[in-house]
Amino acid sequence: LRPTPELSFAVRELGAIAGIVVTASHNPAEYNGYKVYWEDGA
């Protein structure tokens, strides 16, 4: 496991086209989610 901001950093650091972070942030335990980032890290 890693923080979401490190994923954002890694996308640009590795020159990737996109990033995915599996998280539901601060939602209750029964939730999960999936956020997509583009090559600019946002």
Full PDB file with SEQRES, HELIX, SHEET, SSBOND, CRYST1, ORIGX, SCALE, CONECT and MASTER records, all heavy atoms in Angstrom:
SEQRES   1 A   42  LEU ARG PRO THR PRO GLU LEU SER PHE ALA VAL ARG GLU          
SEQRES   2 A   42  LEU GLY ALA ILE ALA GLY ILE VAL VAL THR ALA SER HIS          
SEQRES   3 A   42  ASN PRO ALA GLU TYR ASN GLY TYR LYS VAL TYR TRP GLU          
SEQRES   4 A   42  ASP GLY ALA                                                  
HELIX    1 AA1 THR A    4  GLU A   13  1                                  10    
SHEET    1 AA1 2 ALA A  18  VAL A  21  0                                        
SHEET    2 AA1 2 LYS A  35  TRP A  38 -1                                        
CRYST1    1.000    1.000    1.000  90.00  90.00  90.00 P 1           1          
ORIGX1      1.000000  0.000000  0.000000        0.00000                         
ORIGX2      0.000000  1.000000  0.000000        0.00000                         
ORIGX3      0.000000  0.000000  1.000000        0.00000                         
SCALE1      1.000000  0.000000  0.000000        0.00000                         
SCALE2      0.000000  1.000000  0.000000        0.00000                         
SCALE3      0.000000  0.000000  1.000000        0.00000                         
ATOM      1  N   LEU A   1       0.817  -1.214   0.000  1.00  0.00           N  
ATOM      2  CA  LEU A   1       0.000   0.000   0.000  1.00  0.00           C  
ATOM      3  C   LEU A   1       0.851   1.265   0.000  1.00  0.00           C  
ATOM      4  O   LEU A   1       1.917   1.313   0.622  1.00  0.00           O  
ATOM      5  CB  LEU A   1      -0.969  -0.008   1.177  1.00  0.00           C  
ATOM      6  CG  LEU A   1      -0.484   0.212   2.600  1.00  0.00           C  
ATOM      7  CD1 LEU A   1      -1.676   0.338   3.542  1.00  0.00           C  
ATOM      8  CD2 LEU A   1       0.416  -0.916   3.099  1.00  0.00           C  
ATOM      9  N   ARG A   2       0.359   2.288  -0.724  1.00  0.00           N  
ATOM     10  CA  ARG A   2       1.044   3.571  -0.844  1.00  0.00           C  
ATOM     11  C   ARG A   2       0.022   4.703  -0.862  1.00  0.00           C  
ATOM     12  O   ARG A   2      -1.121   4.516  -1.273  1.00  0.00           O  
ATOM     13  CB  ARG A   2       1.861   3.653  -2.146  1.00  0.00           C  
ATOM     14  CG  ARG A   2       3.090   2.758  -2.221  1.00  0.00           C  
ATOM     15  CD  ARG A   2       4.129   3.086  -1.178  1.00  0.00           C  
ATOM     16  NE  ARG A   2       5.398   2.414  -1.387  1.00  0.00           N  
ATOM     17  CZ  ARG A   2       5.671   1.133  -1.119  1.00  0.00           C  
ATOM     18  NH1 ARG A   2       4.715   0.353  -0.643  1.00  0.00           N  
ATOM     19  NH2 ARG A   2       6.869   0.626  -1.329  1.00  0.00           N  
ATOM     20  N   PRO A   3       0.436   5.914  -0.446  1.00  0.00           N  
ATOM     21  CA  PRO A   3      -0.474   7.060  -0.488  1.00  0.00           C  
ATOM     22  C   PRO A   3      -0.834   7.460  -1.917  1.00  0.00           C  
ATOM     23  O   PRO A   3      -0.020   7.323  -2.837  1.00  0.00           O  
ATOM     24  CB  PRO A   3       0.329   8.183   0.188  1.00  0.00           C  
ATOM     25  CG  PRO A   3       1.457   7.515   0.887  1.00  0.00           C  
ATOM     26  CD  PRO A   3       1.741   6.264   0.127  1.00  0.00           C  
ATOM     27  N   THR A   4      -2.021   7.997  -2.068  1.00  0.00           N  
ATOM     28  CA  THR A   4      -2.444   8.521  -3.365  1.00  0.00           C  
ATOM     29  C   THR A   4      -1.468   9.552  -3.934  1.00  0.00           C  
ATOM     30  O   THR A   4      -1.150   9.513  -5.125  1.00  0.00           O  
ATOM     31  CB  THR A   4      -3.856   9.107  -3.254  1.00  0.00           C  
ATOM     32  OG1 THR A   4      -4.782   8.024  -3.106  1.00  0.00           O  
ATOM     33  CG2 THR A   4      -4.232   9.929  -4.460  1.00  0.00           C  
ATOM     34  N   PRO A   5      -0.960  10.517  -3.135  1.00  0.00           N  
ATOM     35  CA  PRO A   5      -0.039  11.493  -3.728  1.00  0.00           C  
ATOM     36  C   PRO A   5       1.242  10.866  -4.271  1.00  0.00           C  
ATOM     37  O   PRO A   5       1.821  11.392  -5.217  1.00  0.00           O  
ATOM     38  CB  PRO A   5       0.254  12.461  -2.578  1.00  0.00           C  
ATOM     39  CG  PRO A   5      -0.156  11.749  -1.332  1.00  0.00           C  
ATOM     40  CD  PRO A   5      -1.289  10.863  -1.735  1.00  0.00           C  
ATOM     41  N   GLU A   6       1.662   9.745  -3.700  1.00  0.00           N  
ATOM     42  CA  GLU A   6       2.851   9.088  -4.255  1.00  0.00           C  
ATOM     43  C   GLU A   6       2.534   8.477  -5.615  1.00  0.00           C  
ATOM     44  O   GLU A   6       3.404   8.432  -6.489  1.00  0.00           O  
ATOM     45  CB  GLU A   6       3.411   8.029  -3.297  1.00  0.00           C  
ATOM     46  CG  GLU A   6       4.727   7.480  -3.787  1.00  0.00           C  
ATOM     47  CD  GLU A   6       5.449   6.582  -2.798  1.00  0.00           C  
ATOM     48  OE1 GLU A   6       5.014   6.475  -1.630  1.00  0.00           O  
ATOM     49  OE2 GLU A   6       6.474   5.965  -3.191  1.00  0.00           O  
ATOM     50  N   LEU A   7       1.302   8.015  -5.795  1.00  0.00           N  
ATOM     51  CA  LEU A   7       0.893   7.549  -7.121  1.00  0.00           C  
ATOM     52  C   LEU A   7       0.971   8.688  -8.124  1.00  0.00           C  
ATOM     53  O   LEU A   7       1.514   8.530  -9.225  1.00  0.00           O  
ATOM     54  CB  LEU A   7      -0.522   6.975  -7.049  1.00  0.00           C  
ATOM     55  CG  LEU A   7      -1.214   6.433  -8.308  1.00  0.00           C  
ATOM     56  CD1 LEU A   7      -1.810   7.498  -9.186  1.00  0.00           C  
ATOM     57  CD2 LEU A   7      -0.312   5.506  -9.097  1.00  0.00           C  
ATOM     58  N   SER A   8       0.445   9.856  -7.730  1.00  0.00           N  
ATOM     59  CA  SER A   8       0.499  11.024  -8.609  1.00  0.00           C  
ATOM     60  C   SER A   8       1.944  11.354  -8.973  1.00  0.00           C  
ATOM     61  O   SER A   8       2.249  11.642 -10.136  1.00  0.00           O  
ATOM     62  CB  SER A   8      -0.159  12.216  -7.907  1.00  0.00           C  
ATOM     63  OG  SER A   8      -0.011  13.388  -8.659  1.00  0.00           O  
ATOM     64  N   PHE A   9       2.813  11.329  -7.986  1.00  0.00           N  
ATOM     65  CA  PHE A   9       4.238  11.579  -8.223  1.00  0.00           C  
ATOM     66  C   PHE A   9       4.835  10.544  -9.175  1.00  0.00           C  
ATOM     67  O   PHE A   9       5.556  10.877 -10.117  1.00  0.00           O  
ATOM     68  CB  PHE A   9       4.986  11.557  -6.883  1.00  0.00           C  
ATOM     69  CG  PHE A   9       6.479  11.505  -7.005  1.00  0.00           C  
ATOM     70  CD1 PHE A   9       7.207  12.638  -7.321  1.00  0.00           C  
ATOM     71  CD2 PHE A   9       7.163  10.312  -6.812  1.00  0.00           C  
ATOM     72  CE1 PHE A   9       8.596  12.592  -7.438  1.00  0.00           C  
ATOM     73  CE2 PHE A   9       8.543  10.246  -6.922  1.00  0.00           C  
ATOM     74  CZ  PHE A   9       9.263  11.402  -7.238  1.00  0.00           C  
ATOM     75  N   ALA A  10       4.513   9.260  -8.940  1.00  0.00           N  
ATOM     76  CA  ALA A  10       5.127   8.174  -9.700  1.00  0.00           C  
ATOM     77  C   ALA A  10       4.728   8.205 -11.171  1.00  0.00           C  
ATOM     78  O   ALA A  10       5.529   7.829 -12.043  1.00  0.00           O  
ATOM     79  CB  ALA A  10       4.751   6.829  -9.081  1.00  0.00           C  
ATOM     80  N   VAL A  11       3.524   8.641 -11.479  1.00  0.00           N  
ATOM     81  CA  VAL A  11       3.085   8.701 -12.879  1.00  0.00           C  
ATOM     82  C   VAL A  11       4.034   9.564 -13.696  1.00  0.00           C  
ATOM     83  O   VAL A  11       4.491   9.172 -14.781  1.00  0.00           O  
ATOM     84  CB  VAL A  11       1.637   9.241 -12.978  1.00  0.00           C  
ATOM     85  CG1 VAL A  11       1.287   9.581 -14.419  1.00  0.00           C  
ATOM     86  CG2 VAL A  11       0.651   8.225 -12.428  1.00  0.00           C  
ATOM     87  N   ARG A  12       4.357  10.740 -13.179  1.00  0.00           N  
ATOM     88  CA  ARG A  12       5.273  11.631 -13.903  1.00  0.00           C  
ATOM     89  C   ARG A  12       6.715  11.161 -13.797  1.00  0.00           C  
ATOM     90  O   ARG A  12       7.494  11.279 -14.747  1.00  0.00           O  
ATOM     91  CB  ARG A  12       5.116  13.050 -13.377  1.00  0.00           C  
ATOM     92  CG  ARG A  12       3.784  13.674 -13.757  1.00  0.00           C  
ATOM     93  CD  ARG A  12       3.481  14.964 -13.033  1.00  0.00           C  
ATOM     94  NE  ARG A  12       4.451  15.993 -13.326  1.00  0.00           N  
ATOM     95  CZ  ARG A  12       5.185  16.617 -12.398  1.00  0.00           C  
ATOM     96  NH1 ARG A  12       5.064  16.310 -11.124  1.00  0.00           N  
ATOM     97  NH2 ARG A  12       6.026  17.554 -12.755  1.00  0.00           N  
ATOM     98  N   GLU A  13       7.068  10.650 -12.635  1.00  0.00           N  
ATOM     99  CA  GLU A  13       8.451  10.203 -12.428  1.00  0.00           C  
ATOM    100  C   GLU A  13       8.818   9.063 -13.373  1.00  0.00           C  
ATOM    101  O   GLU A  13       9.950   8.980 -13.871  1.00  0.00           O  
ATOM    102  CB  GLU A  13       8.626   9.756 -10.967  1.00  0.00           C  
ATOM    103  CG  GLU A  13      10.053   9.474 -10.562  1.00  0.00           C  
ATOM    104  CD  GLU A  13      10.914  10.715 -10.444  1.00  0.00           C  
ATOM    105  OE1 GLU A  13      10.387  11.853 -10.545  1.00  0.00           O  
ATOM    106  OE2 GLU A  13      12.135  10.556 -10.255  1.00  0.00           O  
ATOM    107  N   LEU A  14       7.863   8.170 -13.655  1.00  0.00           N  
ATOM    108  CA  LEU A  14       8.116   7.018 -14.527  1.00  0.00           C  
ATOM    109  C   LEU A  14       7.718   7.286 -15.976  1.00  0.00           C  
ATOM    110  O   LEU A  14       7.883   6.416 -16.831  1.00  0.00           O  
ATOM    111  CB  LEU A  14       7.363   5.789 -14.004  1.00  0.00           C  
ATOM    112  CG  LEU A  14       7.849   5.242 -12.653  1.00  0.00           C  
ATOM    113  CD1 LEU A  14       6.935   4.120 -12.165  1.00  0.00           C  
ATOM    114  CD2 LEU A  14       9.288   4.748 -12.750  1.00  0.00           C  
ATOM    115  N   GLY A  15       7.182   8.478 -16.248  1.00  0.00           N  
ATOM    116  CA  GLY A  15       6.779   8.805 -17.609  1.00  0.00           C  
ATOM    117  C   GLY A  15       5.629   7.953 -18.108  1.00  0.00           C  
ATOM    118  O   GLY A  15       5.549   7.636 -19.306  1.00  0.00           O  
ATOM    119  N   ALA A  16       4.719   7.560 -17.223  1.00  0.00           N  
ATOM    120  CA  ALA A  16       3.591   6.707 -17.596  1.00  0.00           C  
ATOM    121  C   ALA A  16       2.515   7.519 -18.308  1.00  0.00           C  
ATOM    122  O   ALA A  16       2.447   8.737 -18.184  1.00  0.00           O  
ATOM    123  CB  ALA A  16       3.014   6.031 -16.356  1.00  0.00           C  
ATOM    124  N   ILE A  17       1.661   6.837 -19.039  1.00  0.00           N  
ATOM    125  CA  ILE A  17       0.548   7.508 -19.706  1.00  0.00           C  
ATOM    126  C   ILE A  17      -0.599   7.753 -18.742  1.00  0.00           C  
ATOM    127  O   ILE A  17      -1.380   8.703 -18.900  1.00  0.00           O  
ATOM    128  CB  ILE A  17       0.044   6.698 -20.934  1.00  0.00           C  
ATOM    129  CG1 ILE A  17      -0.952   7.514 -21.768  1.00  0.00           C  
ATOM    130  CG2 ILE A  17      -0.590   5.386 -20.513  1.00  0.00           C  
ATOM    131  CD1 ILE A  17      -0.387   8.761 -22.401  1.00  0.00           C  
ATOM    132  N   ALA A  18      -0.712   6.902 -17.711  1.00  0.00           N  
ATOM    133  CA  ALA A  18      -1.847   7.028 -16.794  1.00  0.00           C  
ATOM    134  C   ALA A  18      -1.492   6.398 -15.454  1.00  0.00           C  
ATOM    135  O   ALA A  18      -0.445   5.753 -15.293  1.00  0.00           O  
ATOM    136  CB  ALA A  18      -3.091   6.366 -17.380  1.00  0.00           C  
ATOM    137  N   GLY A  19      -2.382   6.598 -14.501  1.00  0.00           N  
ATOM    138  CA  GLY A  19      -2.230   5.986 -13.187  1.00  0.00           C  
ATOM    139  C   GLY A  19      -3.588   5.568 -12.662  1.00  0.00           C  
ATOM    140  O   GLY A  19      -4.620   6.141 -13.023  1.00  0.00           O  
ATOM    141  N   ILE A  20      -3.577   4.559 -11.829  1.00  0.00           N  
ATOM    142  CA  ILE A  20      -4.797   4.105 -11.150  1.00  0.00           C  
ATOM    143  C   ILE A  20      -4.477   3.983  -9.671  1.00  0.00           C  
ATOM    144  O   ILE A  20      -3.437   3.422  -9.296  1.00  0.00           O  
ATOM    145  CB  ILE A  20      -5.265   2.726 -11.669  1.00  0.00           C  
ATOM    146  CG1 ILE A  20      -5.650   2.793 -13.146  1.00  0.00           C  
ATOM    147  CG2 ILE A  20      -6.430   2.194 -10.832  1.00  0.00           C  
ATOM    148  CD1 ILE A  20      -5.839   1.416 -13.790  1.00  0.00           C  
ATOM    149  N   VAL A  21      -5.340   4.506  -8.828  1.00  0.00           N  
ATOM    150  CA  VAL A  21      -5.200   4.252  -7.397  1.00  0.00           C  
ATOM    151  C   VAL A  21      -6.499   3.646  -6.898  1.00  0.00           C  
ATOM    152  O   VAL A  21      -7.588   4.157  -7.164  1.00  0.00           O  
ATOM    153  CB  VAL A  21      -4.817   5.516  -6.594  1.00  0.00           C  
ATOM    154  CG1 VAL A  21      -5.849   6.607  -6.730  1.00  0.00           C  
ATOM    155  CG2 VAL A  21      -4.598   5.185  -5.124  1.00  0.00           C  
ATOM    156  N   VAL A  22      -6.381   2.507  -6.236  1.00  0.00           N  
ATOM    157  CA  VAL A  22      -7.536   1.814  -5.679  1.00  0.00           C  
ATOM    158  C   VAL A  22      -7.747   2.317  -4.256  1.00  0.00           C  
ATOM    159  O   VAL A  22      -6.941   2.030  -3.370  1.00  0.00           O  
ATOM    160  CB  VAL A  22      -7.342   0.293  -5.699  1.00  0.00           C  
ATOM    161  CG1 VAL A  22      -8.554  -0.408  -5.087  1.00  0.00           C  
ATOM    162  CG2 VAL A  22      -7.112  -0.200  -7.119  1.00  0.00           C  
ATOM    163  N   THR A  23      -8.800   3.087  -4.060  1.00  0.00           N  
ATOM    164  CA  THR A  23      -9.089   3.686  -2.762  1.00  0.00           C  
ATOM    165  C   THR A  23     -10.521   4.206  -2.761  1.00  0.00           C  
ATOM    166  O   THR A  23     -11.070   4.528  -3.814  1.00  0.00           O  
ATOM    167  CB  THR A  23      -8.130   4.849  -2.448  1.00  0.00           C  
ATOM    168  OG1 THR A  23      -8.465   5.402  -1.167  1.00  0.00           O  
ATOM    169  CG2 THR A  23      -8.232   5.949  -3.485  1.00  0.00           C  
ATOM    170  N   ALA A  24     -11.092   4.302  -1.575  1.00  0.00           N  
ATOM    171  CA  ALA A  24     -12.358   5.030  -1.410  1.00  0.00           C  
ATOM    172  C   ALA A  24     -12.134   6.164  -0.425  1.00  0.00           C  
ATOM    173  O   ALA A  24     -13.047   6.575   0.285  1.00  0.00           O  
ATOM    174  CB  ALA A  24     -13.472   4.105  -0.945  1.00  0.00           C  
ATOM    175  N   SER A  25     -10.878   6.633  -0.365  1.00  0.00           N  
ATOM    176  CA  SER A  25     -10.524   7.771   0.466  1.00  0.00           C  
ATOM    177  C   SER A  25     -10.965   7.545   1.899  1.00  0.00           C  
ATOM    178  O   SER A  25     -10.574   6.571   2.526  1.00  0.00           O  
ATOM    179  CB  SER A  25     -11.108   9.054  -0.139  1.00  0.00           C  
ATOM    180  OG  SER A  25     -10.641  10.185   0.537  1.00  0.00           O  
ATOM    181  N   HIS A  26     -11.832   8.420   2.430  1.00  0.00           N  
ATOM    182  CA  HIS A  26     -12.224   8.343   3.839  1.00  0.00           C  
ATOM    183  C   HIS A  26     -13.625   7.774   4.011  1.00  0.00           C  
ATOM    184  O   HIS A  26     -14.237   7.932   5.064  1.00  0.00           O  
ATOM    185  CB  HIS A  26     -12.158   9.735   4.464  1.00  0.00           C  
ATOM    186  CG  HIS A  26     -12.950  10.756   3.713  1.00  0.00           C  
ATOM    187  ND1 HIS A  26     -12.492  11.317   2.544  1.00  0.00           N  
ATOM    188  CD2 HIS A  26     -14.168  11.291   3.938  1.00  0.00           C  
ATOM    189  CE1 HIS A  26     -13.393  12.174   2.093  1.00  0.00           C  
ATOM    190  NE2 HIS A  26     -14.422  12.181   2.910  1.00  0.00           N  
ATOM    191  N   ASN A  27     -14.154   7.093   2.992  1.00  0.00           N  
ATOM    192  CA  ASN A  27     -15.478   6.477   3.115  1.00  0.00           C  
ATOM    193  C   ASN A  27     -15.474   5.345   4.139  1.00  0.00           C  
ATOM    194  O   ASN A  27     -14.417   4.819   4.492  1.00  0.00           O  
ATOM    195  CB  ASN A  27     -15.927   5.932   1.759  1.00  0.00           C  
ATOM    196  CG  ASN A  27     -16.488   7.012   0.863  1.00  0.00           C  
ATOM    197  OD1 ASN A  27     -15.747   7.857   0.360  1.00  0.00           O  
ATOM    198  ND2 ASN A  27     -17.781   7.008   0.654  1.00  0.00           N  
ATOM    199  N   PRO A  28     -16.652   4.925   4.593  1.00  0.00           N  
ATOM    200  CA  PRO A  28     -16.725   3.788   5.525  1.00  0.00           C  
ATOM    201  C   PRO A  28     -16.116   2.515   4.934  1.00  0.00           C  
ATOM    202  O   PRO A  28     -15.899   2.415   3.723  1.00  0.00           O  
ATOM    203  CB  PRO A  28     -18.233   3.626   5.766  1.00  0.00           C  
ATOM    204  CG  PRO A  28     -18.803   4.983   5.512  1.00  0.00           C  
ATOM    205  CD  PRO A  28     -17.974   5.562   4.397  1.00  0.00           C  
ATOM    206  N   ALA A  29     -15.902   1.537   5.810  1.00  0.00           N  
ATOM    207  CA  ALA A  29     -15.127   0.346   5.455  1.00  0.00           C  
ATOM    208  C   ALA A  29     -15.741  -0.477   4.334  1.00  0.00           C  
ATOM    209  O   ALA A  29     -15.024  -1.191   3.621  1.00  0.00           O  
ATOM    210  CB  ALA A  29     -14.940  -0.542   6.694  1.00  0.00           C  
ATOM    211  N   GLU A  30     -17.065  -0.413   4.143  1.00  0.00           N  
ATOM    212  CA  GLU A  30     -17.702  -1.247   3.126  1.00  0.00           C  
ATOM    213  C   GLU A  30     -17.492  -0.723   1.710  1.00  0.00           C  
ATOM    214  O   GLU A  30     -17.876  -1.377   0.741  1.00  0.00           O  
ATOM    215  CB  GLU A  30     -19.205  -1.387   3.410  1.00  0.00           C  
ATOM    216  CG  GLU A  30     -20.011  -0.104   3.345  1.00  0.00           C  
ATOM    217  CD  GLU A  30     -20.161   0.589   4.696  1.00  0.00           C  
ATOM    218  OE1 GLU A  30     -19.278   0.399   5.560  1.00  0.00           O  
ATOM    219  OE2 GLU A  30     -21.158   1.322   4.875  1.00  0.00           O  
ATOM    220  N   TYR A  31     -16.855   0.430   1.562  1.00  0.00           N  
ATOM    221  CA  TYR A  31     -16.627   1.037   0.246  1.00  0.00           C  
ATOM    222  C   TYR A  31     -15.218   0.760  -0.281  1.00  0.00           C  
ATOM    223  O   TYR A  31     -14.271   0.569   0.486  1.00  0.00           O  
ATOM    224  CB  TYR A  31     -16.805   2.560   0.315  1.00  0.00           C  
ATOM    225  CG  TYR A  31     -18.238   3.023   0.355  1.00  0.00           C  
ATOM    226  CD1 TYR A  31     -18.962   2.992   1.542  1.00  0.00           C  
ATOM    227  CD2 TYR A  31     -18.870   3.493  -0.792  1.00  0.00           C  
ATOM    228  CE1 TYR A  31     -20.278   3.425   1.587  1.00  0.00           C  
ATOM    229  CE2 TYR A  31     -20.193   3.929  -0.755  1.00  0.00           C  
ATOM    230  CZ  TYR A  31     -20.887   3.882   0.436  1.00  0.00           C  
ATOM    231  OH  TYR A  31     -22.188   4.306   0.478  1.00  0.00           O  
ATOM    232  N   ASN A  32     -15.114   0.747  -1.594  1.00  0.00           N  
ATOM    233  CA  ASN A  32     -13.819   0.879  -2.246  1.00  0.00           C  
ATOM    234  C   ASN A  32     -14.029   1.653  -3.540  1.00  0.00           C  
ATOM    235  O   ASN A  32     -15.157   1.942  -3.929  1.00  0.00           O  
ATOM    236  CB  ASN A  32     -13.148  -0.469  -2.502  1.00  0.00           C  
ATOM    237  CG  ASN A  32     -11.630  -0.363  -2.431  1.00  0.00           C  
ATOM    238  OD1 ASN A  32     -11.047   0.669  -2.771  1.00  0.00           O  
ATOM    239  ND2 ASN A  32     -10.980  -1.427  -1.986  1.00  0.00           N  
ATOM    240  N   GLY A  33     -12.931   2.000  -4.182  1.00  0.00           N  
ATOM    241  CA  GLY A  33     -13.037   2.827  -5.382  1.00  0.00           C  
ATOM    242  C   GLY A  33     -11.799   2.716  -6.247  1.00  0.00           C  
ATOM    243  O   GLY A  33     -10.872   1.943  -5.974  1.00  0.00           O  
ATOM    244  N   TYR A  34     -11.774   3.542  -7.280  1.00  0.00           N  
ATOM    245  CA  TYR A  34     -10.786   3.390  -8.359  1.00  0.00           C  
ATOM    246  C   TYR A  34     -10.691   4.737  -9.054  1.00  0.00           C  
ATOM    247  O   TYR A  34     -11.647   5.178  -9.677  1.00  0.00           O  
ATOM    248  CB  TYR A  34     -11.337   2.298  -9.254  1.00  0.00           C  
ATOM    249  CG  TYR A  34     -10.703   2.001 -10.584  1.00  0.00           C  
ATOM    250  CD1 TYR A  34     -10.101   0.763 -10.790  1.00  0.00           C  
ATOM    251  CD2 TYR A  34     -10.775   2.872 -11.663  1.00  0.00           C  
ATOM    252  CE1 TYR A  34      -9.591   0.409 -12.038  1.00  0.00           C  
ATOM    253  CE2 TYR A  34     -10.259   2.545 -12.908  1.00  0.00           C  
ATOM    254  CZ  TYR A  34      -9.673   1.300 -13.087  1.00  0.00           C  
ATOM    255  OH  TYR A  34      -9.172   0.942 -14.314  1.00  0.00           O  
ATOM    256  N   LYS A  35      -9.582   5.446  -8.860  1.00  0.00           N  
ATOM    257  CA  LYS A  35      -9.410   6.764  -9.463  1.00  0.00           C  
ATOM    258  C   LYS A  35      -8.386   6.687 -10.589  1.00  0.00           C  
ATOM    259  O   LYS A  35      -7.373   5.992 -10.477  1.00  0.00           O  
ATOM    260  CB  LYS A  35      -8.940   7.780  -8.412  1.00  0.00           C  
ATOM    261  CG  LYS A  35      -9.968   8.071  -7.340  1.00  0.00           C  
ATOM    262  CD  LYS A  35      -9.603   9.279  -6.499  1.00  0.00           C  
ATOM    263  CE  LYS A  35      -8.418   9.033  -5.600  1.00  0.00           C  
ATOM    264  NZ  LYS A  35      -8.209  10.132  -4.628  1.00  0.00           N  
ATOM    265  N   VAL A  36      -8.655   7.434 -11.648  1.00  0.00           N  
ATOM    266  CA  VAL A  36      -7.775   7.420 -12.826  1.00  0.00           C  
ATOM    267  C   VAL A  36      -7.040   8.751 -12.952  1.00  0.00           C  
ATOM    268  O   VAL A  36      -7.642   9.824 -12.830  1.00  0.00           O  
ATOM    269  CB  VAL A  36      -8.583   7.148 -14.110  1.00  0.00           C  
ATOM    270  CG1 VAL A  36      -7.669   7.196 -15.338  1.00  0.00           C  
ATOM    271  CG2 VAL A  36      -9.264   5.788 -14.020  1.00  0.00           C  
ATOM    272  N   TYR A  37      -5.743   8.663 -13.201  1.00  0.00           N  
ATOM    273  CA  TYR A  37      -4.870   9.823 -13.413  1.00  0.00           C  
ATOM    274  C   TYR A  37      -4.316   9.762 -14.825  1.00  0.00           C  
ATOM    275  O   TYR A  37      -4.163   8.684 -15.399  1.00  0.00           O  
ATOM    276  CB  TYR A  37      -3.717   9.811 -12.402  1.00  0.00           C  
ATOM    277  CG  TYR A  37      -4.174  10.046 -10.985  1.00  0.00           C  
ATOM    278  CD1 TYR A  37      -4.913   9.086 -10.298  1.00  0.00           C  
ATOM    279  CD2 TYR A  37      -3.893  11.239 -10.326  1.00  0.00           C  
ATOM    280  CE1 TYR A  37      -5.358   9.304  -9.007  1.00  0.00           C  
ATOM    281  CE2 TYR A  37      -4.331  11.463  -9.031  1.00  0.00           C  
ATOM    282  CZ  TYR A  37      -5.066  10.495  -8.379  1.00  0.00           C  
ATOM    283  OH  TYR A  37      -5.510  10.726  -7.110  1.00  0.00           O  
ATOM    284  N   TRP A  38      -3.989  10.950 -15.371  1.00  0.00           N  
ATOM    285  CA  TRP A  38      -3.379  10.964 -16.699  1.00  0.00           C  
ATOM    286  C   TRP A  38      -1.892  11.283 -16.559  1.00  0.00           C  
ATOM    287  O   TRP A  38      -1.364  11.390 -15.440  1.00  0.00           O  
ATOM    288  CB  TRP A  38      -4.122  11.930 -17.619  1.00  0.00           C  
ATOM    289  CG  TRP A  38      -3.931  11.609 -19.079  1.00  0.00           C  
ATOM    290  CD1 TRP A  38      -3.380  12.396 -20.026  1.00  0.00           C  
ATOM    291  CD2 TRP A  38      -4.280  10.377 -19.732  1.00  0.00           C  
ATOM    292  NE1 TRP A  38      -3.360  11.750 -21.237  1.00  0.00           N  
ATOM    293  CE2 TRP A  38      -3.903  10.495 -21.086  1.00  0.00           C  
ATOM    294  CE3 TRP A  38      -4.860   9.175 -19.309  1.00  0.00           C  
ATOM    295  CZ2 TRP A  38      -4.096   9.483 -22.031  1.00  0.00           C  
ATOM    296  CZ3 TRP A  38      -5.056   8.159 -20.243  1.00  0.00           C  
ATOM    297  CH2 TRP A  38      -4.668   8.323 -21.582  1.00  0.00           C  
ATOM    298  N   GLU A  39      -1.197  11.432 -17.671  1.00  0.00           N  
ATOM    299  CA  GLU A  39       0.263  11.489 -17.653  1.00  0.00           C  
ATOM    300  C   GLU A  39       0.827  12.716 -16.945  1.00  0.00           C  
ATOM    301  O   GLU A  39       2.001  12.736 -16.574  1.00  0.00           O  
ATOM    302  CB  GLU A  39       0.830  11.410 -19.075  1.00  0.00           C  
ATOM    303  CG  GLU A  39       0.383  12.529 -19.999  1.00  0.00           C  
ATOM    304  CD  GLU A  39       0.867  12.318 -21.423  1.00  0.00           C  
ATOM    305  OE1 GLU A  39       1.941  11.701 -21.602  1.00  0.00           O  
ATOM    306  OE2 GLU A  39       0.185  12.760 -22.353  1.00  0.00           O  
ATOM    307  N   ASP A  40      -0.005  13.743 -16.717  1.00  0.00           N  
ATOM    308  CA  ASP A  40       0.452  14.916 -15.971  1.00  0.00           C  
ATOM    309  C   ASP A  40       0.413  14.685 -14.465  1.00  0.00           C  
ATOM    310  O   ASP A  40       0.813  15.563 -13.696  1.00  0.00           O  
ATOM    311  CB  ASP A  40      -0.384  16.140 -16.335  1.00  0.00           C  
ATOM    312  CG  ASP A  40      -1.858  15.957 -16.001  1.00  0.00           C  
ATOM    313  OD1 ASP A  40      -2.318  14.800 -15.956  1.00  0.00           O  
ATOM    314  OD2 ASP A  40      -2.545  16.967 -15.791  1.00  0.00           O  
ATOM    315  N   GLY A  41      -0.079  13.520 -14.035  1.00  0.00           N  
ATOM    316  CA  GLY A  41      -0.118  13.194 -12.612  1.00  0.00           C  
ATOM    317  C   GLY A  41      -1.368  13.658 -11.905  1.00  0.00           C  
ATOM    318  O   GLY A  41      -1.529  13.442 -10.707  1.00  0.00           O  
ATOM    319  N   ALA A  42      -2.282  14.313 -12.626  1.00  0.00           N  
ATOM    320  CA  ALA A  42      -3.546  14.776 -12.041  1.00  0.00           C  
ATOM    321  C   ALA A  42      -4.670  13.830 -12.441  1.00  0.00           C  
ATOM    322  O   ALA A  42      -4.587  13.126 -13.455  1.00  0.00           O  
ATOM    323  CB  ALA A  42      -3.864  16.199 -12.505  1.00  0.00           C  
TER     324      ALA A  42                                                      
MASTER        0    0    0    1    2    0    0    6  323    1    0    4          
END                                                                             
